[in-house]
Amino acid sequence: MEREVQQQFDAIRAILREIALRGEQTEIRFNRRMDRAEKRMDLADKRMDRADKRMDRAEQRAELADKRIEATRKLVDAGMKIVMRNSAEIKAVTKRMDAFLRSARNGHNGGNGHGPERSR
């Protein structure tokens, strides 16, 4: 009976060794997978950092463009005010010129209605 018990113990030890070996192999595979996953995560983090930097630069460019557009809008507003003022001044000058030309055509530009005398 001791021989049978010894064989059973040996079989159990072999099974336990096999289980331990498989456990170690499984742990090695798991560690490899985790290492690969960590590398992928590191790469993803680096890509994300680069994307954030690009986004920051894009936001800075957009802010600069907004400032330039606002400055251009202010220039256009000021220009429109100048044009409107000039338009009003041109209308006033036009009225005065029309009045002047009408008076010159009628011969009444401060004189007596007769033209200059000719020297004989």
Protein backbone atom coordinates (compact mmCIF):
# COMPACT_ATOMS: atom_id res chain seq x y z
CA MET A 1 0.00 0.00 0.00
CA GLU A 2 2.87 2.37 0.58
CA ARG A 3 3.88 2.03 -3.03
CA GLU A 4 0.40 3.05 -4.18
CA VAL A 5 0.38 6.00 -1.81
CA GLN A 6 3.85 7.04 -2.98
CA GLN A 7 2.70 6.86 -6.62
CA GLN A 8 -0.34 8.95 -5.80
CA PHE A 9 1.82 11.51 -4.00
CA ASP A 10 4.18 11.57 -6.98
CA ALA A 11 1.23 12.04 -9.35
CA ILE A 12 -0.11 14.86 -7.16
CA ARG A 13 3.35 16.49 -7.05
CA ALA A 14 3.60 16.23 -10.84
CA ILE A 15 0.18 17.82 -11.19
CA LEU A 16 1.15 20.59 -8.76
CA ARG A 17 4.44 21.19 -10.63
CA GLU A 18 2.50 21.36 -13.92
CA ILE A 19 0.01 23.81 -12.37
CA ALA A 20 2.85 25.94 -10.98
CA LEU A 21 4.64 25.91 -14.36
CA ARG A 22 1.46 26.90 -16.18
CA GLY A 23 0.86 29.63 -13.60
CA GLU A 24 4.36 31.00 -14.18
CA GLN A 25 3.86 30.88 -17.96
CA THR A 26 0.51 32.58 -17.59
CA GLU A 27 2.06 35.26 -15.42
CA ILE A 28 4.86 35.79 -17.96
CA ARG A 29 2.30 36.15 -20.78
CA PHE A 30 0.24 38.49 -18.64
CA ASN A 31 3.30 40.63 -17.86
CA ARG A 32 4.20 40.79 -21.57
CA ARG A 33 0.67 41.87 -22.41
CA MET A 34 0.74 44.48 -19.67
CA ASP A 35 4.10 45.79 -20.89
CA ARG A 36 2.72 46.10 -24.44
CA ALA A 37 -0.41 47.77 -23.11
CA GLU A 38 1.69 50.23 -21.08
CA LYS A 39 3.78 51.03 -24.15
CA ARG A 40 0.61 51.66 -26.16
CA MET A 41 -0.70 53.88 -23.37
CA ASP A 42 2.59 55.79 -23.27
CA LEU A 43 2.41 56.33 -27.03
CA ALA A 44 -1.23 57.39 -26.74
CA ASP A 45 -0.28 59.84 -23.97
CA LYS A 46 2.49 61.31 -26.12
CA ARG A 47 0.10 61.65 -29.06
CA MET A 48 -2.42 63.29 -26.78
CA ASP A 49 0.20 65.73 -25.48
CA ARG A 50 1.18 66.64 -29.04
CA ALA A 51 -2.48 67.08 -29.96
CA ASP A 52 -2.99 69.34 -26.93
CA LYS A 53 0.00 71.46 -27.95
CA ARG A 54 -1.33 71.71 -31.50
CA MET A 55 -4.73 72.69 -30.14
CA ASP A 56 -3.16 75.36 -27.91
CA ARG A 57 -1.27 76.81 -30.87
CA ALA A 58 -4.45 76.74 -32.97
CA GLU A 59 -6.33 78.57 -30.21
CA GLN A 60 -3.58 81.20 -30.04
CA ARG A 61 -3.75 81.66 -33.80
CA ALA A 62 -7.55 81.93 -33.62
CA GLU A 63 -7.30 84.56 -30.86
CA LEU A 64 -4.81 86.53 -32.93
CA ALA A 65 -7.07 86.28 -35.97
CA ASP A 66 -10.02 87.46 -33.87
CA LYS A 67 -8.01 90.47 -32.68
CA ARG A 68 -7.02 91.30 -36.25
CA ILE A 69 -10.61 90.96 -37.45
CA GLU A 70 -11.79 93.22 -34.63
CA ALA A 71 -9.13 95.79 -35.52
CA THR A 72 -10.17 95.62 -39.18
CA ARG A 73 -13.83 96.06 -38.17
CA LYS A 74 -12.93 99.16 -36.16
CA LEU A 75 -11.00 100.56 -39.13
CA VAL A 76 -13.95 99.93 -41.44
CA ASP A 77 -16.31 101.62 -38.95
CA ALA A 78 -14.02 104.64 -38.71
CA GLY A 79 -13.70 104.74 -42.51
CA MET A 80 -17.47 104.62 -42.93
CA LYS A 81 -17.85 107.55 -40.50
CA ILE A 82 -15.28 109.54 -42.48
CA VAL A 83 -17.04 108.71 -45.75
CA MET A 84 -20.39 109.79 -44.31
CA ARG A 85 -18.88 113.06 -43.03
CA ASN A 86 -17.21 113.68 -46.40
CA SER A 87 -20.46 112.90 -48.19
CA ALA A 88 -22.29 115.54 -46.14
CA GLU A 89 -19.51 118.06 -46.77
CA ILE A 90 -19.53 117.28 -50.50
CA LYS A 91 -23.30 117.88 -50.61
CA ALA A 92 -22.87 121.24 -48.89
CA VAL A 93 -20.05 122.25 -51.25
CA THR A 94 -22.11 121.08 -54.23
CA LYS A 95 -25.03 123.29 -53.17
CA ARG A 96 -22.74 126.31 -52.78
CA MET A 97 -21.13 125.62 -56.18
CA ASP A 98 -24.52 125.30 -57.84
CA ALA A 99 -25.58 128.62 -56.32
CA PHE A 100 -22.32 130.23 -57.43
CA LEU A 101 -22.65 128.90 -60.99
CA ARG A 102 -26.25 130.01 -61.23
CA SER A 103 -25.32 133.48 -60.11
CA ALA A 104 -22.44 133.63 -62.60
CA ARG A 105 -24.74 132.57 -65.46
CA ASN A 106 -27.20 135.27 -64.64
CA GLY A 107 -24.48 137.87 -64.62
CA HIS A 108 -25.21 138.87 -61.06
CA ASN A 109 -22.03 138.19 -59.27
CA GLY A 110 -21.91 141.41 -57.38
CA GLY A 111 -21.75 143.68 -60.38
CA ASN A 112 -24.39 145.83 -62.04
CA GLY A 113 -25.24 143.23 -64.61
CA HIS A 114 -23.02 144.73 -67.28
CA GLY A 115 -19.84 143.09 -68.29
CA PRO A 116 -16.44 144.79 -68.06
CA GLU A 117 -15.97 147.70 -70.38
CA ARG A 118 -13.72 147.21 -73.26
CA SER A 119 -10.80 149.45 -73.63
CA ARG A 120 -11.00 151.29 -76.97
